[in-house]
C-alpha cells in the first residue's frame, strides 16, 4: 500500500500545556542523554499502511485491525553552518539502536461520513494550534463539527496530577455536534476536513492489545527502514476512528527536561470498526504485511478473502 502524503506528520501541537510544550513535538531537539547524546535531532513519522476495518472486540475472539497499521520512523541529525544556515543529515536506520525507541497510539472518533471521502484530499491536514482555523472550509458548505467531551479526560495530555473519571465504553458512536462559534473547543489538536478532533474526545482505553511497539528493521523499497507495526491492536466498540501515533525514546532526555520527550507525532487515516453481525470480512494480506512477516514481525497472514458469515434472522417461536 502506497504511503499517503497527507498522513505524514513531522510537527504539531497537542492539548493544553503539560510537562512538554506540545508545539515542540517534531521540531529539532537537543539530546542530553541516550544514544543521540550531544546531537540535535529531528524525528519524522510517515504512515505506510493504515487500518481499513476492524471487528468490535467484546470478551472473546479478538480480531486485530486489518491491515495492521504501520508507521515509518526517520531520524535526522540537525546542524548549522558557520553562517547559521540549518541543514540535516538522515541517520542510517541500521545504525540506530531500536531498544528503548517506542511508538504509542491514541484513539479518536471521527464522523463516519469521512470514511467515504477521498483519502488524498488536501483537507486532511494538520493545523498548528496557534493558527487553528475554526471557520468553515471555503471549499465546503458543511459546518464544522466535533465530538463533545468524553467521560475519560485529563487536565493535560500527560495526565499529570489529573483526576480521571471512570471510563465506560459506549456501544456506539456518540452524536457529533456542530460547532457553536461562541463555544469553540479549546483542545483542538487536528482538523480532518470540516471535523475538529479534540483531545477530550480521546477513546484510548477502548484499545486492546499492543499499544506500545518497538521499530523493526526491514527492507522497504530497496532500502533499510525502521517501521513500527501494530499487528495486535483491537477496539472494544463500533464506529469510525483515527489513530494518533507518538514516538519517543525511553532512554533519551532533552535539554531542560527530566523525562523522555515526545519526538514526533502523526494522525493517521480513518477506518471503521463493525459489529460482529455487520462485519464484512477480511481481505487478503497486503504485500506490505507479507514483507513485515518475512522480517519476523508477528502479523496475521491470509492468502484469500474471508467473508463474514451472516447470522440468519430467527423467526418468532412456534
Protein backbone atom coordinates (compact mmCIF):
# COMPACT_ATOMS: atom_id res chain seq x y z
CA UNK A 1 0.00 0.00 0.00
CA UNK A 2 1.50 3.33 -1.02
CA UNK A 3 2.12 5.98 1.57
CA UNK A 4 -0.34 8.85 1.67
CA UNK A 5 1.44 12.20 1.89
CA UNK A 6 -1.48 13.64 3.83
CA UNK A 7 -0.87 11.07 6.56
CA UNK A 8 2.64 12.33 7.12
CA UNK A 9 3.37 14.48 10.13
CA UNK A 10 6.57 15.93 11.49
CA UNK A 11 5.30 18.52 13.92
CA UNK A 12 2.24 19.75 15.66
CA UNK A 13 0.69 20.75 18.95
CA UNK A 14 -1.39 18.87 21.43
CA UNK A 15 -3.83 19.92 24.08
CA UNK A 16 -3.24 22.34 26.93
CA UNK A 17 0.22 22.90 28.27
CA UNK A 18 1.79 19.94 30.04
CA UNK A 19 5.26 18.90 31.09
CA UNK A 20 6.43 19.29 27.48
CA UNK A 21 5.47 22.19 25.25
CA UNK A 22 3.49 20.34 22.61
CA UNK A 23 4.38 22.94 19.99
CA UNK A 24 7.91 21.49 20.11
CA UNK A 25 6.89 17.97 19.09
CA UNK A 26 8.62 17.09 15.84
CA UNK A 27 10.96 20.05 15.91
CA UNK A 28 14.76 19.81 16.28
CA UNK A 29 15.60 18.71 19.84
CA UNK A 30 18.96 18.80 21.60
CA UNK A 31 19.56 15.44 23.31
CA UNK A 32 21.44 15.30 26.64
CA UNK A 33 21.45 11.52 27.26
CA UNK A 34 20.97 8.27 25.37
CA UNK A 35 22.29 7.11 22.02
CA UNK A 36 21.87 10.57 20.46
CA UNK A 37 23.59 12.43 23.32
CA UNK A 38 25.19 15.69 22.23
CA UNK A 39 23.24 15.79 18.97
CA UNK A 40 20.31 17.87 17.81
CA UNK A 41 17.85 15.56 16.10
CA UNK A 42 14.51 15.77 14.36
CA UNK A 43 12.23 12.73 14.15
CA UNK A 44 9.67 12.18 11.42
CA UNK A 45 6.82 9.66 11.14
CA UNK A 46 5.01 8.53 7.99
CA UNK A 47 2.03 6.17 7.84
CA UNK A 48 2.94 3.43 5.35
CA UNK A 49 -0.24 1.43 5.90
CA UNK A 50 -3.45 2.39 7.66
CA UNK A 51 -6.11 0.09 9.04
CA UNK A 52 -9.19 -0.27 6.83
CA UNK A 53 -11.55 -2.23 9.06
CA UNK A 54 -11.93 -3.98 12.37
CA UNK A 55 -14.45 -6.05 14.28
CA UNK A 56 -15.66 -4.97 17.69
CA UNK A 57 -13.96 -6.95 20.44
CA UNK A 58 -16.04 -7.84 23.48
CA UNK A 59 -14.60 -10.64 25.63
CA UNK A 60 -13.61 -13.46 23.28
CA UNK A 61 -12.31 -13.95 19.72
CA UNK A 62 -10.30 -10.76 19.45
CA UNK A 63 -9.66 -9.71 15.84
CA UNK A 64 -6.85 -7.19 15.23
CA UNK A 65 -7.32 -4.20 12.94
CA UNK A 66 -6.76 -5.12 9.30
CA UNK A 67 -4.42 -4.47 7.67
CA UNK A 68 -2.06 -3.82 10.59
CA UNK A 69 -1.19 -0.11 10.90
CA UNK A 70 2.46 0.57 10.05
CA UNK A 71 4.49 3.74 10.55
CA UNK A 72 7.91 4.60 9.15
CA UNK A 73 10.45 6.19 11.52
CA UNK A 74 13.11 8.58 10.20
CA UNK A 75 15.71 10.36 12.34
CA UNK A 76 17.68 13.39 11.15
CA UNK A 77 20.76 15.00 12.66
CA UNK A 78 20.39 18.78 12.55
CA UNK A 79 23.44 21.01 12.13
CA UNK A 80 24.24 24.62 11.35
CA UNK A 81 26.87 26.15 9.14
CA UNK A 82 29.17 28.96 10.30
CA UNK A 83 26.74 31.39 8.69
CA UNK A 84 23.86 29.97 10.76
CA UNK A 85 22.11 28.10 7.95
CA UNK A 86 20.46 24.90 9.16
CA UNK A 87 20.96 21.60 7.33
CA UNK A 88 20.00 18.00 8.05
CA UNK A 89 21.53 14.58 7.54
CA UNK A 90 19.37 11.47 7.80
CA UNK A 91 20.81 8.92 10.21
CA UNK A 92 21.00 5.47 8.63
CA UNK A 93 18.30 3.21 10.12
CA UNK A 94 20.75 0.31 10.54
CA UNK A 95 22.96 2.48 12.79
CA UNK A 96 20.11 3.25 15.21
CA UNK A 97 19.65 1.03 18.27
CA UNK A 98 15.94 0.28 18.42
CA UNK A 99 15.99 -0.78 22.08
CA UNK A 100 14.07 1.87 24.02
CA UNK A 101 12.54 3.52 20.96
CA UNK A 102 8.77 3.21 21.22
CA UNK A 103 5.64 4.26 19.38
CA UNK A 104 2.35 4.55 21.22
CA UNK A 105 -1.16 5.06 19.87
CA UNK A 106 -4.25 7.00 20.93
CA UNK A 107 -7.75 6.54 19.52
CA UNK A 108 -10.08 9.33 18.39
CA UNK A 109 -13.61 9.06 16.93
CA UNK A 110 -14.40 10.77 13.62
CA UNK A 111 -17.70 11.09 11.71
CA UNK A 112 -18.48 8.08 9.52
CA UNK A 113 -19.07 10.44 6.59
CA UNK A 114 -15.31 10.98 6.41
CA UNK A 115 -14.73 7.32 5.54
CA UNK A 116 -16.12 7.78 2.04
CA UNK A 117 -14.10 10.93 1.36
CA UNK A 118 -11.02 10.89 -0.83
CA UNK A 119 -8.10 10.00 1.46
CA UNK A 120 -5.78 12.00 -0.76
CA UNK A 121 -7.82 15.17 -0.25
CA UNK A 122 -5.78 18.19 0.75
CA UNK A 123 -8.31 18.87 3.53
CA UNK A 124 -6.75 16.05 5.56
CA UNK A 125 -4.05 18.20 7.06
CA UNK A 126 -2.61 19.41 10.34
CA UNK A 127 -3.17 22.91 11.65
CA UNK A 128 -0.83 24.36 14.32
CA UNK A 129 -2.90 25.36 17.31
CA UNK A 130 -1.66 28.92 17.24
CA UNK A 131 -3.21 29.30 13.81
CA UNK A 132 -6.02 26.76 14.13
CA UNK A 133 -8.88 27.92 11.94
CA UNK A 134 -12.38 27.41 13.32
CA UNK A 135 -14.08 28.88 10.29
CA UNK A 136 -15.86 26.71 7.75
CA UNK A 137 -13.75 25.40 4.91
CA UNK A 138 -14.41 27.68 1.91
CA UNK A 139 -14.34 24.58 -0.32
CA UNK A 140 -17.27 23.08 1.57
CA UNK A 141 -20.65 24.39 2.67
CA UNK A 142 -20.75 21.95 5.59
CA UNK A 143 -20.37 23.46 9.09
CA UNK A 144 -17.54 22.46 11.38
CA UNK A 145 -18.24 19.51 13.67
CA UNK A 146 -16.69 17.98 16.79
CA UNK A 147 -17.43 15.32 19.40
CA UNK A 148 -18.34 16.53 22.90
CA UNK A 149 -16.24 15.91 25.98
CA UNK A 150 -15.90 12.21 26.76
CA UNK A 151 -16.05 10.90 30.37
CA UNK A 152 -12.41 9.79 30.07
CA UNK A 153 -10.43 13.02 30.27
CA UNK A 154 -7.36 14.56 31.84
CA UNK A 155 -6.35 18.11 32.62
CA UNK A 156 -3.37 17.81 30.29
CA UNK A 157 -2.12 15.41 27.67
CA UNK A 158 0.46 13.92 30.03
CA UNK A 159 -2.15 13.17 32.74
CA UNK A 160 -0.01 14.78 35.41
CA UNK A 161 -1.94 15.23 38.66
CA UNK A 162 -5.14 14.90 36.66
CA UNK A 163 -8.21 13.23 38.07
CA UNK A 164 -9.81 10.79 35.63
CA UNK A 165 -13.46 9.82 35.70
CA UNK A 166 -14.34 6.15 35.35
CA UNK A 167 -14.32 5.08 31.73
CA UNK A 168 -17.37 3.34 30.30
CA UNK A 169 -17.01 2.24 26.70
CA UNK A 170 -20.11 3.36 24.78
CA UNK A 171 -21.53 0.75 22.44
CA UNK A 172 -21.89 3.11 19.51
CA UNK A 173 -20.50 6.37 18.22
CA UNK A 174 -21.51 9.47 20.22
CA UNK A 175 -23.54 12.09 18.41
CA UNK A 176 -21.45 14.61 16.56
CA UNK A 177 -22.14 18.27 17.27
CA UNK A 178 -21.99 21.31 15.05
CA UNK A 179 -19.61 23.99 16.19
CA UNK A 180 -21.07 26.89 18.14
CA UNK A 181 -18.95 29.97 17.35
CA UNK A 182 -19.43 31.09 20.96
CA UNK A 183 -18.22 27.77 22.40
CA UNK A 184 -15.17 26.79 20.38
CA UNK A 185 -13.37 23.76 21.92
CA UNK A 186 -10.08 24.78 23.49
CA UNK A 187 -8.35 21.44 22.94
CA UNK A 188 -8.50 21.04 19.15
CA UNK A 189 -5.46 19.01 18.05
CA UNK A 190 -6.28 18.06 14.46
CA UNK A 191 -8.59 19.05 11.65
CA UNK A 192 -9.90 16.45 9.21
CA UNK A 193 -11.96 18.14 6.53
CA UNK A 194 -14.63 20.09 8.43
CA UNK A 195 -14.29 17.98 11.57
CA UNK A 196 -12.26 19.17 14.56
CA UNK A 197 -10.59 16.43 16.59
CA UNK A 198 -10.31 17.37 20.28
CA UNK A 199 -8.03 15.90 22.95
CA UNK A 200 -11.04 15.43 25.24
CA UNK A 201 -12.77 13.11 22.74
CA UNK A 202 -9.95 10.57 23.08
CA UNK A 203 -11.07 6.94 23.45
CA UNK A 204 -7.70 5.27 24.02
CA UNK A 205 -8.97 2.97 26.84
CA UNK A 206 -11.10 1.22 24.19
CA UNK A 207 -7.88 -0.02 22.53
CA UNK A 208 -6.86 -3.58 23.39
CA UNK A 209 -3.54 -5.25 22.60
CA UNK A 210 -0.10 -3.82 21.87
CA UNK A 211 -0.40 -0.07 22.30
CA UNK A 212 3.38 0.33 22.57
CA UNK A 213 5.66 -1.22 19.94
CA UNK A 214 9.35 -1.07 19.06
CA UNK A 215 10.51 -0.50 15.48
CA UNK A 216 11.71 -3.36 13.30
CA UNK A 217 14.47 -3.01 10.72
CA UNK A 218 13.05 -4.11 7.35
CA UNK A 219 13.72 -3.76 3.63
CA UNK A 220 11.31 -1.20 2.16
CA UNK A 221 11.52 -0.07 -1.46
CA UNK A 222 15.03 -1.41 -1.73
CA UNK A 223 16.32 0.39 1.37
CA UNK A 224 16.67 -0.35 5.07
CA UNK A 225 13.88 1.18 7.14
CA UNK A 226 12.72 1.24 10.75
CA UNK A 227 8.99 0.56 10.92
CA UNK A 228 6.52 0.38 13.81
CA UNK A 229 3.94 -2.34 13.08
CA UNK A 230 0.80 -2.65 15.23
CA UNK A 231 -0.07 -6.27 14.48
CA UNK A 232 -2.16 -6.90 17.60
CA UNK A 233 -4.47 -3.95 18.10
CA UNK A 234 -8.24 -4.31 18.53
CA UNK A 235 -11.05 -1.95 19.57
CA UNK A 236 -13.84 -2.58 22.06
CA UNK A 237 -16.50 -0.51 20.36
CA UNK A 238 -18.05 0.21 16.98
CA UNK A 239 -17.58 3.38 14.99
CA UNK A 240 -15.15 5.22 12.75
CA UNK A 241 -11.79 6.34 14.10
CA UNK A 242 -8.30 7.62 13.50
CA UNK A 243 -5.11 6.76 15.39
CA UNK A 244 -2.56 9.19 16.74
CA UNK A 245 0.98 7.82 16.74
CA UNK A 246 3.63 9.23 19.06
CA UNK A 247 7.32 8.29 19.06
CA UNK A 248 9.77 8.55 21.95
CA UNK A 249 13.00 7.01 23.25
CA UNK A 250 12.72 5.99 26.90
CA UNK A 251 16.50 6.28 27.34
CA UNK A 252 16.66 9.80 25.90
CA UNK A 253 16.40 13.12 27.70
CA UNK A 254 16.33 16.55 26.10
CA UNK A 255 17.71 19.85 27.28
CA UNK A 256 15.69 21.26 30.17
CA UNK A 257 13.55 18.13 30.64
CA UNK A 258 13.52 15.38 33.26
CA UNK A 259 11.54 12.87 31.22
CA UNK A 260 11.76 11.40 27.71
CA UNK A 261 10.30 13.88 25.23
CA UNK A 262 7.74 13.06 22.57
CA UNK A 263 9.91 13.27 19.48
CA UNK A 264 7.22 13.11 16.77
CA UNK A 265 3.52 12.52 16.28
CA UNK A 266 1.23 11.64 13.41
CA UNK A 267 -2.54 11.47 12.88
CA UNK A 268 -3.33 8.52 10.62
CA UNK A 269 -6.06 7.69 8.14
CA UNK A 270 -9.63 6.83 9.12
CA UNK A 271 -11.09 3.32 9.41
CA UNK A 272 -14.27 1.62 10.59
CA UNK A 273 -14.94 -0.93 13.33
CA UNK A 274 -18.02 -3.11 12.76
CA UNK A 275 -20.25 -5.15 15.00
CA UNK A 276 -19.90 -8.93 14.71
CA UNK A 277 -23.15 -9.09 12.75
CA UNK A 278 -22.20 -6.35 10.28
CA UNK A 279 -18.52 -7.22 9.81
CA UNK A 280 -17.90 -7.68 6.04
CA UNK A 281 -14.91 -9.99 6.39
CA UNK A 282 -11.19 -9.69 5.76
CA UNK A 283 -9.22 -9.01 2.59
CA UNK A 284 -6.11 -10.99 1.61
CA UNK A 285 -2.96 -9.75 3.32
CA UNK A 286 -1.25 -6.82 1.62
CA UNK A 287 2.23 -7.11 0.14
CA UNK A 288 3.47 -4.75 2.83
CA UNK A 289 2.08 -7.01 5.56
CA UNK A 290 3.74 -10.03 3.96
CA UNK A 291 7.02 -8.14 3.83
CA UNK A 292 6.78 -7.41 7.55
CA UNK A 293 6.14 -11.10 8.25
CA UNK A 294 9.22 -12.05 6.24
CA UNK A 295 11.27 -9.82 8.54
CA UNK A 296 9.98 -11.51 11.68
CA UNK A 297 7.13 -9.18 12.61
CA UNK A 298 4.20 -11.04 14.19
CA UNK A 299 1.23 -10.36 11.92
CA UNK A 300 -1.70 -12.45 10.69
CA UNK A 301 -1.40 -13.58 7.07
CA UNK A 302 -4.28 -14.55 4.74
CA UNK A 303 -3.97 -15.86 1.18
CA UNK A 304 -7.64 -15.40 0.32
CA UNK A 305 -10.52 -13.12 1.19
CA UNK A 306 -12.51 -14.23 4.23
CA UNK A 307 -16.15 -13.22 4.22
CA UNK A 308 -18.03 -12.89 7.46
CA UNK A 309 -20.79 -15.43 7.96
CA UNK A 310 -24.10 -13.66 8.30
CA UNK A 311 -26.26 -14.82 11.14
CA UNK A 312 -29.69 -15.95 9.96
CA UNK A 313 -32.66 -13.98 11.20
CA UNK A 314 -34.65 -16.13 13.54
CA UNK A 315 -38.38 -16.07 13.16
CA UNK A 316 -40.85 -15.98 16.03
CA UNK A 317 -41.01 -19.19 18.11
CA UNK A 318 -43.64 -21.69 17.05
